[in-house]
Amino acid sequence: MNELLITRRHLLKKSLALGAAAALVACESKPKELHCTNTSSLTDEEVKARQTLEYADKSPDPQKMCDNCQQFILPPSGKGCGTCKVVKGPINPKGHCKSWLAKGAPAPSASASGTPG
């Protein structure tokens, strides 16, 4: 009969162990947020251009993110920071800048921009 007796201490230990295991699984399943902000390899001019184009690592508009922009270039692995045809340095697929252009949209022509062609 002693074998079936569950003590409070035993129950508490098992509960804590189960809770810790659940917390560990929950932490591991959450994807890490990608940061593409290291500009240490860029020249001062490239950093200034990046600032002028208002590159942001996270787009304020979910419809206008780098991963659905014509200028964005995926990294070879398909994951992580990509690059851009306009903005130099690492580019977050969920980022945004003033040069955003929807994939499939016609590129602006020289006459449309007011520049003589």
C-alpha atoms as a PDB file:
ATOM      1  CA  MET A   1       0.000   0.000   0.000  1.00  0.00           C
ATOM      2  CA  ASN A   2       2.961   2.345   0.591  1.00  0.00           C
ATOM      3  CA  GLU A   3       3.799   2.041  -3.113  1.00  0.00           C
ATOM      4  CA  LEU A   4       0.580   3.827  -4.145  1.00  0.00           C
ATOM      5  CA  LEU A   5       0.997   6.715  -1.703  1.00  0.00           C
ATOM      6  CA  ILE A   6       1.874   9.973  -3.468  1.00  0.00           C
ATOM      7  CA  THR A   7       3.430  12.631  -1.263  1.00  0.00           C
ATOM      8  CA  ARG A   8       3.073  16.340  -1.780  1.00  0.00           C
ATOM      9  CA  ARG A   9       6.821  16.592  -2.290  1.00  0.00           C
ATOM     10  CA  HIS A  10       6.729  13.976  -5.062  1.00  0.00           C
ATOM     11  CA  LEU A  11       3.758  15.686  -6.741  1.00  0.00           C
ATOM     12  CA  LEU A  12       5.444  19.103  -6.522  1.00  0.00           C
ATOM     13  CA  LYS A  13       8.698  17.787  -8.040  1.00  0.00           C
ATOM     14  CA  LYS A  14       6.854  16.159 -10.933  1.00  0.00           C
ATOM     15  CA  SER A  15       4.782  19.306 -11.551  1.00  0.00           C
ATOM     16  CA  LEU A  16       7.859  21.544 -11.607  1.00  0.00           C
ATOM     17  CA  ALA A  17       9.697  19.197 -13.953  1.00  0.00           C
ATOM     18  CA  LEU A  18       6.724  19.059 -16.306  1.00  0.00           C
ATOM     19  CA  GLY A  19       6.328  22.859 -16.237  1.00  0.00           C
ATOM     20  CA  ALA A  20      10.038  23.390 -16.959  1.00  0.00           C
ATOM     21  CA  ALA A  21       9.906  20.954 -19.881  1.00  0.00           C
ATOM     22  CA  ALA A  22       6.848  22.702 -21.334  1.00  0.00           C
ATOM     23  CA  ALA A  23       8.538  26.114 -21.018  1.00  0.00           C
ATOM     24  CA  LEU A  24      11.665  24.812 -22.747  1.00  0.00           C
ATOM     25  CA  VAL A  25       9.661  23.437 -25.669  1.00  0.00           C
ATOM     26  CA  ALA A  26       7.741  26.723 -25.984  1.00  0.00           C
ATOM     27  CA  CYS A  27      10.978  28.747 -26.065  1.00  0.00           C
ATOM     28  CA  GLU A  28      12.573  26.548 -28.704  1.00  0.00           C
ATOM     29  CA  SER A  29       9.569  26.640 -31.018  1.00  0.00           C
ATOM     30  CA  LYS A  30       9.532  30.443 -31.255  1.00  0.00           C
ATOM     31  CA  PRO A  31      11.615  31.559 -34.262  1.00  0.00           C
ATOM     32  CA  LYS A  32      14.400  34.029 -33.628  1.00  0.00           C
ATOM     33  CA  GLU A  33      13.832  37.472 -35.051  1.00  0.00           C
ATOM     34  CA  LEU A  34      16.161  38.259 -37.959  1.00  0.00           C
ATOM     35  CA  HIS A  35      18.309  41.394 -37.704  1.00  0.00           C
ATOM     36  CA  CYS A  36      20.041  42.743 -40.824  1.00  0.00           C
ATOM     37  CA  THR A  37      21.470  45.982 -39.469  1.00  0.00           C
ATOM     38  CA  ASN A  38      25.253  45.418 -39.501  1.00  0.00           C
ATOM     39  CA  THR A  39      26.643  48.140 -41.760  1.00  0.00           C
ATOM     40  CA  SER A  40      30.283  47.859 -40.609  1.00  0.00           C
ATOM     41  CA  SER A  41      31.445  46.736 -44.082  1.00  0.00           C
ATOM     42  CA  LEU A  42      29.810  49.698 -45.859  1.00  0.00           C
ATOM     43  CA  THR A  43      31.403  52.995 -46.807  1.00  0.00           C
ATOM     44  CA  ASP A  44      30.153  56.214 -45.210  1.00  0.00           C
ATOM     45  CA  GLU A  45      28.408  57.084 -48.497  1.00  0.00           C
ATOM     46  CA  GLU A  46      26.612  53.721 -48.595  1.00  0.00           C
ATOM     47  CA  VAL A  47      25.456  54.119 -44.993  1.00  0.00           C
ATOM     48  CA  LYS A  48      24.216  57.632 -45.785  1.00  0.00           C
ATOM     49  CA  ALA A  49      22.337  56.375 -48.871  1.00  0.00           C
ATOM     50  CA  ARG A  50      20.777  53.641 -46.731  1.00  0.00           C
ATOM     51  CA  GLN A  51      19.602  56.319 -44.290  1.00  0.00           C
ATOM     52  CA  THR A  52      18.378  58.608 -47.078  1.00  0.00           C
ATOM     53  CA  LEU A  53      16.283  55.774 -48.512  1.00  0.00           C
ATOM     54  CA  GLU A  54      14.963  55.204 -44.969  1.00  0.00           C
ATOM     55  CA  TYR A  55      15.766  51.492 -44.878  1.00  0.00           C
ATOM     56  CA  ALA A  56      14.041  49.857 -41.897  1.00  0.00           C
ATOM     57  CA  ASP A  57      14.702  46.299 -40.732  1.00  0.00           C
ATOM     58  CA  LYS A  58      10.959  45.860 -40.171  1.00  0.00           C
ATOM     59  CA  SER A  59       8.384  47.247 -42.577  1.00  0.00           C
ATOM     60  CA  PRO A  60       5.585  49.362 -41.111  1.00  0.00           C
ATOM     61  CA  ASP A  61       3.363  48.077 -43.944  1.00  0.00           C
ATOM     62  CA  PRO A  62       3.010  44.281 -44.273  1.00  0.00           C
ATOM     63  CA  GLN A  63       2.058  44.752 -47.934  1.00  0.00           C
ATOM     64  CA  LYS A  64       5.362  46.514 -48.709  1.00  0.00           C
ATOM     65  CA  MET A  65       8.179  44.306 -47.491  1.00  0.00           C
ATOM     66  CA  CYS A  66      11.526  43.678 -49.164  1.00  0.00           C
ATOM     67  CA  ASP A  67      10.672  40.052 -49.923  1.00  0.00           C
ATOM     68  CA  ASN A  68       7.937  41.221 -52.313  1.00  0.00           C
ATOM     69  CA  CYS A  69      10.030  43.997 -53.902  1.00  0.00           C
ATOM     70  CA  GLN A  70      11.634  43.825 -57.358  1.00  0.00           C
ATOM     71  CA  GLN A  71      14.897  45.170 -55.927  1.00  0.00           C
ATOM     72  CA  PHE A  72      15.327  42.402 -53.297  1.00  0.00           C
ATOM     73  CA  ILE A  73      17.770  39.543 -53.910  1.00  0.00           C
ATOM     74  CA  LEU A  74      17.328  36.386 -51.826  1.00  0.00           C
ATOM     75  CA  PRO A  75      20.457  34.918 -50.248  1.00  0.00           C
ATOM     76  CA  PRO A  76      21.660  31.665 -51.884  1.00  0.00           C
ATOM     77  CA  SER A  77      20.357  29.624 -48.941  1.00  0.00           C
ATOM     78  CA  GLY A  78      16.913  31.199 -49.270  1.00  0.00           C
ATOM     79  CA  LYS A  79      17.035  32.125 -45.574  1.00  0.00           C
ATOM     80  CA  GLY A  80      18.525  35.033 -43.658  1.00  0.00           C
ATOM     81  CA  CYS A  81      19.506  38.501 -44.825  1.00  0.00           C
ATOM     82  CA  GLY A  82      19.375  39.177 -48.537  1.00  0.00           C
ATOM     83  CA  THR A  83      20.726  42.048 -50.616  1.00  0.00           C
ATOM     84  CA  CYS A  84      19.195  44.805 -52.715  1.00  0.00           C
ATOM     85  CA  LYS A  85      19.839  46.324 -56.125  1.00  0.00           C
ATOM     86  CA  VAL A  86      19.469  49.825 -54.637  1.00  0.00           C
ATOM     87  CA  VAL A  87      20.306  49.713 -50.904  1.00  0.00           C
ATOM     88  CA  LYS A  88      23.750  48.329 -50.010  1.00  0.00           C
ATOM     89  CA  GLY A  89      24.369  46.020 -47.070  1.00  0.00           C
ATOM     90  CA  PRO A  90      22.330  43.249 -45.458  1.00  0.00           C
ATOM     91  CA  ILE A  91      18.592  43.453 -46.134  1.00  0.00           C
ATOM     92  CA  ASN A  92      15.874  41.886 -44.011  1.00  0.00           C
ATOM     93  CA  PRO A  93      13.179  40.177 -46.134  1.00  0.00           C
ATOM     94  CA  LYS A  94      10.644  41.815 -43.785  1.00  0.00           C
ATOM     95  CA  GLY A  95      12.306  45.238 -44.158  1.00  0.00           C
ATOM     96  CA  HIS A  96      11.308  48.281 -46.218  1.00  0.00           C
ATOM     97  CA  CYS A  97      12.732  51.409 -47.847  1.00  0.00           C
ATOM     98  CA  LYS A  98      11.580  54.288 -50.046  1.00  0.00           C
ATOM     99  CA  SER A  99      12.727  52.421 -53.193  1.00  0.00           C
ATOM    100  CA  TRP A 100      10.198  49.614 -52.681  1.00  0.00           C
ATOM    101  CA  LEU A 101       8.679  48.479 -55.983  1.00  0.00           C
ATOM    102  CA  ALA A 102       6.140  45.656 -56.137  1.00  0.00           C
ATOM    103  CA  LYS A 103       7.261  42.528 -57.959  1.00  0.00           C
ATOM    104  CA  GLY A 104       5.749  42.500 -61.413  1.00  0.00           C
ATOM    105  CA  ALA A 105       5.092  46.257 -61.453  1.00  0.00           C
ATOM    106  CA  PRO A 106       6.487  48.130 -64.447  1.00  0.00           C
ATOM    107  CA  ALA A 107       9.658  50.043 -63.642  1.00  0.00           C
ATOM    108  CA  PRO A 108       9.196  53.826 -63.683  1.00  0.00           C
ATOM    109  CA  SER A 109      10.244  55.270 -67.057  1.00  0.00           C
ATOM    110  CA  ALA A 110      12.520  58.281 -67.430  1.00  0.00           C
ATOM    111  CA  SER A 111       9.687  60.343 -68.981  1.00  0.00           C
ATOM    112  CA  ALA A 112       7.333  59.497 -66.090  1.00  0.00           C
ATOM    113  CA  SER A 113       9.851  60.786 -63.564  1.00  0.00           C
ATOM    114  CA  GLY A 114      10.087  64.163 -65.278  1.00  0.00           C
ATOM    115  CA  THR A 115      13.624  63.515 -66.532  1.00  0.00           C
ATOM    116  CA  PRO A 116      14.061  64.132 -70.248  1.00  0.00           C
ATOM    117  CA  GLY A 117      14.605  60.847 -72.029  1.00  0.00           C
END
